[in-house]
């Protein structure tokens, strides 16, 4: 399958049919927004990246544009399934849902993104199928982000707001698309994007110093973004003078995943200079309070972002610096270790339930394990960590969590509690 070829979307839906059906069956296990975050966050879509794992045998041969196109399609379809009225009971129901999703993708982008408008008929008057129409629109949408491929920060912004497409689409599919509704969603699209501008500006000013990288980020954004001219002028003023958190129009009592997005965009903006100072941490705590989040929510977002960066370090060229890697690694390990300490009893029970692993852990204190034994212990320890509620939402970085790292995370006196 090649995402640039006609018919790729149908092939992909056929390949992912069982996975999407399973997603529908399991969606009752957690809130739909938590489940959607767990799907989208590891892919990098929220962070303007396409480095996450894509479950398709041909994915290794796809270029970055193809990957982002598939990730956007996957996210839109997953959102539709997770927020579907009831579990899907048959293959026919799933096929019908796929067809409705494709129709909704075409209607959504043609209505809310007029710059992507695609006729339902060819120049020769032949009607396009829903699949063909969706393919062409997704192609146009990703093309607009790749117009900014030359600079990381512009690209970061334009790709990260693809998440807003997914969020607004999740609302759109449950409405009747009359003119009033369409006007509302077009207005919401611009307001949500402009709120990203304000969050970025506030985060950049949070340490009272506009670092060179932060200045570049915002200037490139202003040049490349599609916000109206009057808003662009306001954005420049906001960036030069800053903006108070209370003056940012952010959701505080509705969508959890939208609030999560704004928080993590703020964190990533601070990472423009590759460090987060204490004044910036204080800003993040205030932002969390404004968003209705707790200190634990902030800690979870920091873990999610650090875990993502560590898992894909070699693919994120702008972060490849040994000192930075070590610093991020230390922060991540200490954060996860604190959560492990709080859940010591649960971890101990999970380990004790597997006597083979328990014996191997005891053995490891006196001698080196074989590669096979190390991998068995590693996989079981990751499984044990996943039983902690925090990691029911946050996806742990599998490749980064070597046995050596996991042993640093486990409470030091874990087995003394036996």
Foldseek 3Di string as FASTA:
>chain_A
DALVDPPVVVVVCVVCVVVLLVLLVCLVVDQLLLVLLLLQLLCCQLQLARPHDDPDPCVVVYDRLSSLLVSLVVSLLSLQSSPPPHRDDDSVSSVVSVQLSLQLLLVLCVLQPVVLNDDQADPVGHGDRSSRSNSSSSSVLSVLLCVLVPDPLLSRLSSNCSVVVSVLSSVSSPDDPDPVVSVVSNVVSLLLSLLLLQLLLQLCCLVVDNDPLSVVNNVSNLVRDDHDPVSSVVSVVCNVVPDDLVPRPDAQPDDPNSLLSSLLSSVVSNCSVLDADPSSVVVSCVSCVVNNHHPVSNLLSLLQVLQSCLLCVVVPVVQPDVVSSVVSLVSNLVSLLVLLVVVLVQLLVLQVVDVLLVVLVVVVVPDPDDPVNQVVNQVSSLVSSCVRVSNVSRPGSSVSSGSVSSVSSHPPCSVVVD
